[in-house]
């Protein structure tokens, strides 16, 4: 049974990594063609950092956001995200 769990973990990692690699390849091509006054990579690093910050904040408040969007009261915890 342990081997099945390890195989499942590898399958999950590979399934999640494939879109990341594809997006990374597209961003690499776009940044190579970029001619910003801030350089080729810096605008993409800044945009990626901002998107990751927003995503982590949304994940942190996901239970509260779900409650605001209509989750049932029994699924909601009493603790607020702060």
PDB file of N, CA and C in Angstrom:
ATOM      1  N   UNK A   1       0.810  -1.204   0.000  1.00  0.00           N
ATOM      2  CA  UNK A   1       0.000   0.000   0.000  1.00  0.00           C
ATOM      3  C   UNK A   1       0.852   1.266   0.000  1.00  0.00           C
ATOM      4  N   UNK A   2       2.030   1.202   0.594  1.00  0.00           N
ATOM      5  CA  UNK A   2       2.886   2.376   0.630  1.00  0.00           C
ATOM      6  C   UNK A   2       3.315   2.759  -0.779  1.00  0.00           C
ATOM      7  N   UNK A   3       3.623   1.755  -1.605  1.00  0.00           N
ATOM      8  CA  UNK A   3       4.056   2.039  -2.966  1.00  0.00           C
ATOM      9  C   UNK A   3       2.959   2.738  -3.754  1.00  0.00           C
ATOM     10  N   UNK A   4       1.706   2.363  -3.525  1.00  0.00           N
ATOM     11  CA  UNK A   4       0.600   3.018  -4.223  1.00  0.00           C
ATOM     12  C   UNK A   4       0.507   4.481  -3.808  1.00  0.00           C
ATOM     13  N   UNK A   5       0.746   4.771  -2.538  1.00  0.00           N
ATOM     14  CA  UNK A   5       0.713   6.157  -2.071  1.00  0.00           C
ATOM     15  C   UNK A   5       1.831   6.988  -2.681  1.00  0.00           C
ATOM     16  N   UNK A   6       3.012   6.397  -2.808  1.00  0.00           N
ATOM     17  CA  UNK A   6       4.143   7.100  -3.413  1.00  0.00           C
ATOM     18  C   UNK A   6       3.862   7.367  -4.885  1.00  0.00           C
ATOM     19  N   UNK A   7       3.313   6.374  -5.578  1.00  0.00           N
ATOM     20  CA  UNK A   7       2.988   6.559  -6.988  1.00  0.00           C
ATOM     21  C   UNK A   7       1.922   7.625  -7.168  1.00  0.00           C
ATOM     22  N   UNK A   8       0.939   7.632  -6.268  1.00  0.00           N
ATOM     23  CA  UNK A   8      -0.103   8.662  -6.337  1.00  0.00           C
ATOM     24  C   UNK A   8       0.504  10.037  -6.118  1.00  0.00           C
ATOM     25  N   UNK A   9       1.427  10.154  -5.174  1.00  0.00           N
ATOM     26  CA  UNK A   9       2.084  11.439  -4.919  1.00  0.00           C
ATOM     27  C   UNK A   9       2.875  11.922  -6.124  1.00  0.00           C
ATOM     28  N   UNK A  10       3.609  11.023  -6.766  1.00  0.00           N
ATOM     29  CA  UNK A  10       4.362  11.403  -7.968  1.00  0.00           C
ATOM     30  C   UNK A  10       3.431  11.821  -9.088  1.00  0.00           C
ATOM     31  N   UNK A  11       2.321  11.084  -9.260  1.00  0.00           N
ATOM     32  CA  UNK A  11       1.364  11.431 -10.315  1.00  0.00           C
ATOM     33  C   UNK A  11       0.766  12.803 -10.061  1.00  0.00           C
ATOM     34  N   UNK A  12       0.463  13.090  -8.816  1.00  0.00           N
ATOM     35  CA  UNK A  12      -0.104  14.392  -8.469  1.00  0.00           C
ATOM     36  C   UNK A  12       0.902  15.509  -8.736  1.00  0.00           C
ATOM     37  N   UNK A  13       2.152  15.306  -8.349  1.00  0.00           N
ATOM     38  CA  UNK A  13       3.165  16.324  -8.587  1.00  0.00           C
ATOM     39  C   UNK A  13       3.377  16.574 -10.074  1.00  0.00           C
ATOM     40  N   UNK A  14       3.433  15.532 -10.843  1.00  0.00           N
ATOM     41  CA  UNK A  14       3.644  15.693 -12.277  1.00  0.00           C
ATOM     42  C   UNK A  14       2.453  16.350 -12.952  1.00  0.00           C
ATOM     43  N   UNK A  15       1.247  16.033 -12.495  1.00  0.00           N
ATOM     44  CA  UNK A  15       0.068  16.647 -13.106  1.00  0.00           C
ATOM     45  C   UNK A  15      -0.004  18.135 -12.778  1.00  0.00           C
ATOM     46  N   UNK A  16       0.477  18.521 -11.625  1.00  0.00           N
ATOM     47  CA  UNK A  16       0.469  19.930 -11.252  1.00  0.00           C
ATOM     48  C   UNK A  16       1.651  20.680 -11.846  1.00  0.00           C
ATOM     49  N   UNK A  17       2.732  19.993 -12.122  1.00  0.00           N
ATOM     50  CA  UNK A  17       3.941  20.641 -12.619  1.00  0.00           C
ATOM     51  C   UNK A  17       3.871  20.924 -14.114  1.00  0.00           C
ATOM     52  N   UNK A  18       3.149  20.116 -14.867  1.00  0.00           N
ATOM     53  CA  UNK A  18       3.098  20.281 -16.316  1.00  0.00           C
ATOM     54  C   UNK A  18       2.558  21.646 -16.741  1.00  0.00           C
ATOM     55  N   UNK A  19       1.417  22.116 -16.188  1.00  0.00           N
ATOM     56  CA  UNK A  19       0.979  23.465 -16.573  1.00  0.00           C
ATOM     57  C   UNK A  19       1.975  24.541 -16.164  1.00  0.00           C
ATOM     58  N   UNK A  20       2.641  24.358 -15.044  1.00  0.00           N
ATOM     59  CA  UNK A  20       3.630  25.328 -14.589  1.00  0.00           C
ATOM     60  C   UNK A  20       4.767  25.441 -15.596  1.00  0.00           C
ATOM     61  N   UNK A  21       5.233  24.308 -16.095  1.00  0.00           N
ATOM     62  CA  UNK A  21       6.324  24.317 -17.065  1.00  0.00           C
ATOM     63  C   UNK A  21       5.882  24.981 -18.363  1.00  0.00           C
ATOM     64  N   UNK A  22       4.639  24.722 -18.786  1.00  0.00           N
ATOM     65  CA  UNK A  22       4.140  25.325 -20.014  1.00  0.00           C
ATOM     66  C   UNK A  22       4.023  26.834 -19.873  1.00  0.00           C
ATOM     67  N   UNK A  23       3.498  27.295 -18.759  1.00  0.00           N
ATOM     68  CA  UNK A  23       3.376  28.736 -18.526  1.00  0.00           C
ATOM     69  C   UNK A  23       4.755  29.371 -18.426  1.00  0.00           C
ATOM     70  N   UNK A  24       5.663  28.704 -17.752  1.00  0.00           N
ATOM     71  CA  UNK A  24       7.014  29.221 -17.620  1.00  0.00           C
ATOM     72  C   UNK A  24       7.687  29.371 -18.983  1.00  0.00           C
ATOM     73  N   UNK A  25       7.457  28.425 -19.863  1.00  0.00           N
ATOM     74  CA  UNK A  25       8.024  28.519 -21.206  1.00  0.00           C
ATOM     75  C   UNK A  25       7.455  29.707 -21.973  1.00  0.00           C
ATOM     76  N   UNK A  26       6.145  29.938 -21.849  1.00  0.00           N
ATOM     77  CA  UNK A  26       5.526  31.085 -22.524  1.00  0.00           C
ATOM     78  C   UNK A  26       6.065  32.398 -21.972  1.00  0.00           C
ATOM     79  N   UNK A  27       6.182  32.493 -20.661  1.00  0.00           N
ATOM     80  CA  UNK A  27       6.691  33.719 -20.038  1.00  0.00           C
ATOM     81  C   UNK A  27       8.137  33.952 -20.445  1.00  0.00           C
ATOM     82  N   UNK A  28       8.902  32.899 -20.540  1.00  0.00           N
ATOM     83  CA  UNK A  28      10.296  33.030 -20.962  1.00  0.00           C
ATOM     84  C   UNK A  28      10.379  33.606 -22.381  1.00  0.00           C
ATOM     85  N   UNK A  29       9.526  33.122 -23.275  1.00  0.00           N
ATOM     86  CA  UNK A  29       9.522  33.626 -24.655  1.00  0.00           C
ATOM     87  C   UNK A  29       9.096  35.094 -24.684  1.00  0.00           C
ATOM     88  N   UNK A  30       8.032  35.429 -23.934  1.00  0.00           N
ATOM     89  CA  UNK A  30       7.555  36.823 -23.908  1.00  0.00           C
ATOM     90  C   UNK A  30       8.611  37.758 -23.329  1.00  0.00           C
ATOM     91  N   UNK A  31       9.289  37.306 -22.269  1.00  0.00           N
ATOM     92  CA  UNK A  31      10.276  38.188 -21.642  1.00  0.00           C
ATOM     93  C   UNK A  31      11.505  38.373 -22.534  1.00  0.00           C
ATOM     94  N   UNK A  32      11.837  37.377 -23.328  1.00  0.00           N
ATOM     95  CA  UNK A  32      12.961  37.536 -24.255  1.00  0.00           C
ATOM     96  C   UNK A  32      12.655  38.574 -25.336  1.00  0.00           C
ATOM     97  N   UNK A  33      11.381  38.725 -25.681  1.00  0.00           N
ATOM     98  CA  UNK A  33      10.980  39.684 -26.707  1.00  0.00           C
ATOM     99  C   UNK A  33      10.632  41.058 -26.129  1.00  0.00           C
ATOM    100  N   UNK A  34      10.618  41.176 -24.810  1.00  0.00           N
ATOM    101  CA  UNK A  34      10.228  42.422 -24.145  1.00  0.00           C
ATOM    102  C   UNK A  34      11.344  43.470 -24.286  1.00  0.00           C
ATOM    103  N   UNK A  35      10.937  44.695 -24.537  1.00  0.00           N
ATOM    104  CA  UNK A  35      11.923  45.774 -24.642  1.00  0.00           C
ATOM    105  C   UNK A  35      11.531  46.933 -23.729  1.00  0.00           C
ATOM    106  N   UNK A  36      11.265  46.624 -22.481  1.00  0.00           N
ATOM    107  CA  UNK A  36      10.877  47.626 -21.491  1.00  0.00           C
ATOM    108  C   UNK A  36      12.105  48.423 -21.039  1.00  0.00           C
ATOM    109  N   UNK A  37      11.851  49.632 -20.564  1.00  0.00           N
ATOM    110  CA  UNK A  37      12.974  50.427 -20.054  1.00  0.00           C
ATOM    111  C   UNK A  37      13.503  49.867 -18.736  1.00  0.00           C
ATOM    112  N   UNK A  38      12.747  48.970 -18.101  1.00  0.00           N
ATOM    113  CA  UNK A  38      13.163  48.349 -16.848  1.00  0.00           C
ATOM    114  C   UNK A  38      13.901  47.038 -17.074  1.00  0.00           C
ATOM    115  N   UNK A  39      14.075  46.653 -18.311  1.00  0.00           N
ATOM    116  CA  UNK A  39      14.774  45.415 -18.634  1.00  0.00           C
ATOM    117  C   UNK A  39      13.807  44.374 -19.169  1.00  0.00           C
ATOM    118  N   UNK A  40      14.368  43.230 -19.480  1.00  0.00           N
ATOM    119  CA  UNK A  40      13.526  42.186 -20.059  1.00  0.00           C
ATOM    120  C   UNK A  40      12.810  41.366 -19.001  1.00  0.00           C
ATOM    121  N   UNK A  41      13.423  41.118 -17.879  1.00  0.00           N
ATOM    122  CA  UNK A  41      12.866  40.199 -16.883  1.00  0.00           C
ATOM    123  C   UNK A  41      12.140  40.901 -15.739  1.00  0.00           C
ATOM    124  N   UNK A  42      12.559  42.098 -15.376  1.00  0.00           N
ATOM    125  CA  UNK A  42      12.000  42.756 -14.195  1.00  0.00           C
ATOM    126  C   UNK A  42      10.489  42.959 -14.234  1.00  0.00           C
ATOM    127  N   UNK A  43       9.887  43.382 -15.349  1.00  0.00           N
ATOM    128  CA  UNK A  43       8.424  43.519 -15.351  1.00  0.00           C
ATOM    129  C   UNK A  43       7.709  42.197 -15.089  1.00  0.00           C
ATOM    130  N   UNK A  44       8.257  41.112 -15.584  1.00  0.00           N
ATOM    131  CA  UNK A  44       7.638  39.809 -15.384  1.00  0.00           C
ATOM    132  C   UNK A  44       7.833  39.316 -13.958  1.00  0.00           C
ATOM    133  N   UNK A  45       8.970  39.604 -13.368  1.00  0.00           N
ATOM    134  CA  UNK A  45       9.206  39.246 -11.968  1.00  0.00           C
ATOM    135  C   UNK A  45       8.262  40.030 -11.067  1.00  0.00           C
ATOM    136  N   UNK A  46       8.077  41.321 -11.340  1.00  0.00           N
ATOM    137  CA  UNK A  46       7.169  42.137 -10.543  1.00  0.00           C
ATOM    138  C   UNK A  46       5.725  41.653 -10.679  1.00  0.00           C
ATOM    139  N   UNK A  47       5.286  41.404 -11.906  1.00  0.00           N
ATOM    140  CA  UNK A  47       3.914  40.940 -12.121  1.00  0.00           C
ATOM    141  C   UNK A  47       3.689  39.582 -11.465  1.00  0.00           C
ATOM    142  N   UNK A  48       4.639  38.679 -11.589  1.00  0.00           N
ATOM    143  CA  UNK A  48       4.517  37.368 -10.954  1.00  0.00           C
ATOM    144  C   UNK A  48       4.481  37.461  -9.438  1.00  0.00           C
ATOM    145  N   UNK A  49       5.303  38.342  -8.875  1.00  0.00           N
ATOM    146  CA  UNK A  49       5.319  38.525  -7.419  1.00  0.00           C
ATOM    147  C   UNK A  49       3.989  39.072  -6.915  1.00  0.00           C
ATOM    148  N   UNK A  50       3.427  40.023  -7.645  1.00  0.00           N
ATOM    149  CA  UNK A  50       2.134  40.574  -7.241  1.00  0.00           C
ATOM    150  C   UNK A  50       1.027  39.525  -7.337  1.00  0.00           C
ATOM    151  N   UNK A  51       1.038  38.730  -8.402  1.00  0.00           N
ATOM    152  CA  UNK A  51       0.010  37.692  -8.548  1.00  0.00           C
ATOM    153  C   UNK A  51       0.129  36.629  -7.456  1.00  0.00           C
ATOM    154  N   UNK A  52       1.346  36.248  -7.095  1.00  0.00           N
ATOM    155  CA  UNK A  52       1.530  35.272  -6.026  1.00  0.00           C
ATOM    156  C   UNK A  52       1.080  35.841  -4.691  1.00  0.00           C
ATOM    157  N   UNK A  53       1.353  37.118  -4.437  1.00  0.00           N
ATOM    158  CA  UNK A  53       0.907  37.748  -3.192  1.00  0.00           C
ATOM    159  C   UNK A  53      -0.614  37.761  -3.079  1.00  0.00           C
ATOM    160  N   UNK A  54      -1.276  38.087  -4.172  1.00  0.00           N
ATOM    161  CA  UNK A  54      -2.743  38.083  -4.174  1.00  0.00           C
ATOM    162  C   UNK A  54      -3.274  36.666  -3.969  1.00  0.00           C
ATOM    163  N   UNK A  55      -2.672  35.683  -4.638  1.00  0.00           N
ATOM    164  CA  UNK A  55      -3.122  34.304  -4.513  1.00  0.00           C
ATOM    165  C   UNK A  55      -2.955  33.784  -3.089  1.00  0.00           C
ATOM    166  N   UNK A  56      -1.836  34.078  -2.445  1.00  0.00           N
ATOM    167  CA  UNK A  56      -1.603  33.620  -1.070  1.00  0.00           C
ATOM    168  C   UNK A  56      -2.591  34.287  -0.123  1.00  0.00           C
ATOM    169  N   UNK A  57      -2.898  35.558  -0.344  1.00  0.00           N
ATOM    170  CA  UNK A  57      -3.884  36.250   0.489  1.00  0.00           C
ATOM    171  C   UNK A  57      -5.264  35.625   0.316  1.00  0.00           C
ATOM    172  N   UNK A  58      -5.635  35.323  -0.910  1.00  0.00           N
ATOM    173  CA  UNK A  58      -6.936  34.698  -1.157  1.00  0.00           C
ATOM    174  C   UNK A  58      -6.999  33.314  -0.508  1.00  0.00           C
ATOM    175  N   UNK A  59      -5.927  32.546  -0.581  1.00  0.00           N
ATOM    176  CA  UNK A  59      -5.903  31.232   0.062  1.00  0.00           C
ATOM    177  C   UNK A  59      -6.070  31.382   1.572  1.00  0.00           C
ATOM    178  N   UNK A  60      -5.429  32.374   2.160  1.00  0.00           N
ATOM    179  CA  UNK A  60      -5.540  32.594   3.603  1.00  0.00           C
ATOM    180  C   UNK A  60      -6.952  32.932   4.056  1.00  0.00           C
ATOM    181  N   UNK A  61      -7.687  33.618   3.225  1.00  0.00           N
ATOM    182  CA  UNK A  61      -9.045  34.021   3.569  1.00  0.00           C
ATOM    183  C   UNK A  61     -10.095  33.196   2.828  1.00  0.00           C
ATOM    184  N   UNK A  62      -9.733  32.014   2.346  1.00  0.00           N
ATOM    185  CA  UNK A  62     -10.642  31.238   1.503  1.00  0.00           C
ATOM    186  C   UNK A  62     -11.914  30.814   2.238  1.00  0.00           C
ATOM    187  N   UNK A  63     -11.825  30.465   3.516  1.00  0.00           N
ATOM    188  CA  UNK A  63     -13.025  30.080   4.261  1.00  0.00           C
ATOM    189  C   UNK A  63     -13.973  31.267   4.409  1.00  0.00           C
ATOM    190  N   UNK A  64     -13.428  32.430   4.704  1.00  0.00           N
ATOM    191  CA  UNK A  64     -14.260  33.619   4.841  1.00  0.00           C
ATOM    192  C   UNK A  64     -14.864  34.031   3.505  1.00  0.00           C
ATOM    193  N   UNK A  65     -14.096  33.920   2.442  1.00  0.00           N
ATOM    194  CA  UNK A  65     -14.604  34.260   1.114  1.00  0.00           C
ATOM    195  C   UNK A  65     -15.711  33.284   0.725  1.00  0.00           C
ATOM    196  N   UNK A  66     -15.520  32.001   1.024  1.00  0.00           N
ATOM    197  CA  UNK A  66     -16.556  31.013   0.742  1.00  0.00           C
ATOM    198  C   UNK A  66     -17.831  31.304   1.489  1.00  0.00           C
ATOM    199  N   UNK A  67     -17.706  31.711   2.751  1.00  0.00           N
ATOM    200  CA  UNK A  67     -18.900  32.058   3.535  1.00  0.00           C
ATOM    201  C   UNK A  67     -19.605  33.260   2.923  1.00  0.00           C
ATOM    202  N   UNK A  68     -18.855  34.255   2.490  1.00  0.00           N
ATOM    203  CA  UNK A  68     -19.466  35.428   1.862  1.00  0.00           C
ATOM    204  C   UNK A  68     -20.144  35.093   0.543  1.00  0.00           C
ATOM    205  N   UNK A  69     -19.650  34.062  -0.140  1.00  0.00           N
ATOM    206  CA  UNK A  69     -20.232  33.673  -1.415  1.00  0.00           C
ATOM    207  C   UNK A  69     -21.360  32.662  -1.277  1.00  0.00           C
ATOM    208  N   UNK A  70     -21.714  32.297  -0.030  1.00  0.00           N
ATOM    209  CA  UNK A  70     -22.909  31.478   0.159  1.00  0.00           C
ATOM    210  C   UNK A  70     -22.709  30.110   0.759  1.00  0.00           C
ATOM    211  N   UNK A  71     -21.552  29.803   1.332  1.00  0.00           N
ATOM    212  CA  UNK A  71     -21.393  28.523   2.010  1.00  0.00           C
ATOM    213  C   UNK A  71     -22.358  28.443   3.185  1.00  0.00           C
ATOM    214  N   UNK A  72     -22.727  27.235   3.540  1.00  0.00           N
ATOM    215  CA  UNK A  72     -23.650  27.027   4.652  1.00  0.00           C
ATOM    216  C   UNK A  72     -22.969  27.365   5.979  1.00  0.00           C
ATOM    217  N   UNK A  73     -23.779  27.713   6.973  1.00  0.00           N
ATOM    218  CA  UNK A  73     -23.229  28.087   8.277  1.00  0.00           C
ATOM    219  C   UNK A  73     -22.486  26.943   8.949  1.00  0.00           C
ATOM    220  N   UNK A  74     -22.939  25.693   8.766  1.00  0.00           N
ATOM    221  CA  UNK A  74     -22.271  24.577   9.435  1.00  0.00           C
ATOM    222  C   UNK A  74     -20.888  24.302   8.851  1.00  0.00           C
ATOM    223  N   UNK A  75     -20.621  24.787   7.631  1.00  0.00           N
ATOM    224  CA  UNK A  75     -19.302  24.612   7.029  1.00  0.00           C
ATOM    225  C   UNK A  75     -18.349  25.741   7.395  1.00  0.00           C
ATOM    226  N   UNK A  76     -18.850  26.797   8.011  1.00  0.00           N
ATOM    227  CA  UNK A  76     -18.042  27.979   8.306  1.00  0.00           C
ATOM    228  C   UNK A  76     -17.467  27.880   9.710  1.00  0.00           C
ATOM    229  N   UNK A  77     -16.220  28.237   9.856  1.00  0.00           N
ATOM    230  CA  UNK A  77     -15.590  28.258  11.178  1.00  0.00           C
ATOM    231  C   UNK A  77     -15.825  29.624  11.815  1.00  0.00           C
ATOM    232  N   UNK A  78     -15.687  29.714  13.097  1.00  0.00           N
ATOM    233  CA  UNK A  78     -15.939  30.964  13.812  1.00  0.00           C
ATOM    234  C   UNK A  78     -14.769  31.930  13.700  1.00  0.00           C
ATOM    235  N   UNK A  79     -13.562  31.411  13.534  1.00  0.00           N
ATOM    236  CA  UNK A  79     -12.374  32.253  13.491  1.00  0.00           C
ATOM    237  C   UNK A  79     -12.307  33.010  12.161  1.00  0.00           C
ATOM    238  N   UNK A  80     -12.105  34.307  12.229  1.00  0.00           N
ATOM    239  CA  UNK A  80     -11.912  35.113  11.025  1.00  0.00           C
ATOM    240  C   UNK A  80     -10.430  35.136  10.678  1.00  0.00           C
ATOM    241  N   UNK A  81     -10.103  35.390   9.431  1.00  0.00           N
ATOM    242  CA  UNK A  81      -8.755  35.233   8.897  1.00  0.00           C
ATOM    243  C   UNK A  81      -7.645  36.037   9.537  1.00  0.00           C
ATOM    244  N   UNK A  82      -7.900  37.091  10.273  1.00  0.00           N
ATOM    245  CA  UNK A  82      -6.807  37.922  10.773  1.00  0.00           C
ATOM    246  C   UNK A  82      -6.173  37.377  11.968  1.00  0.00           C
TER     247      UNK A  82
END
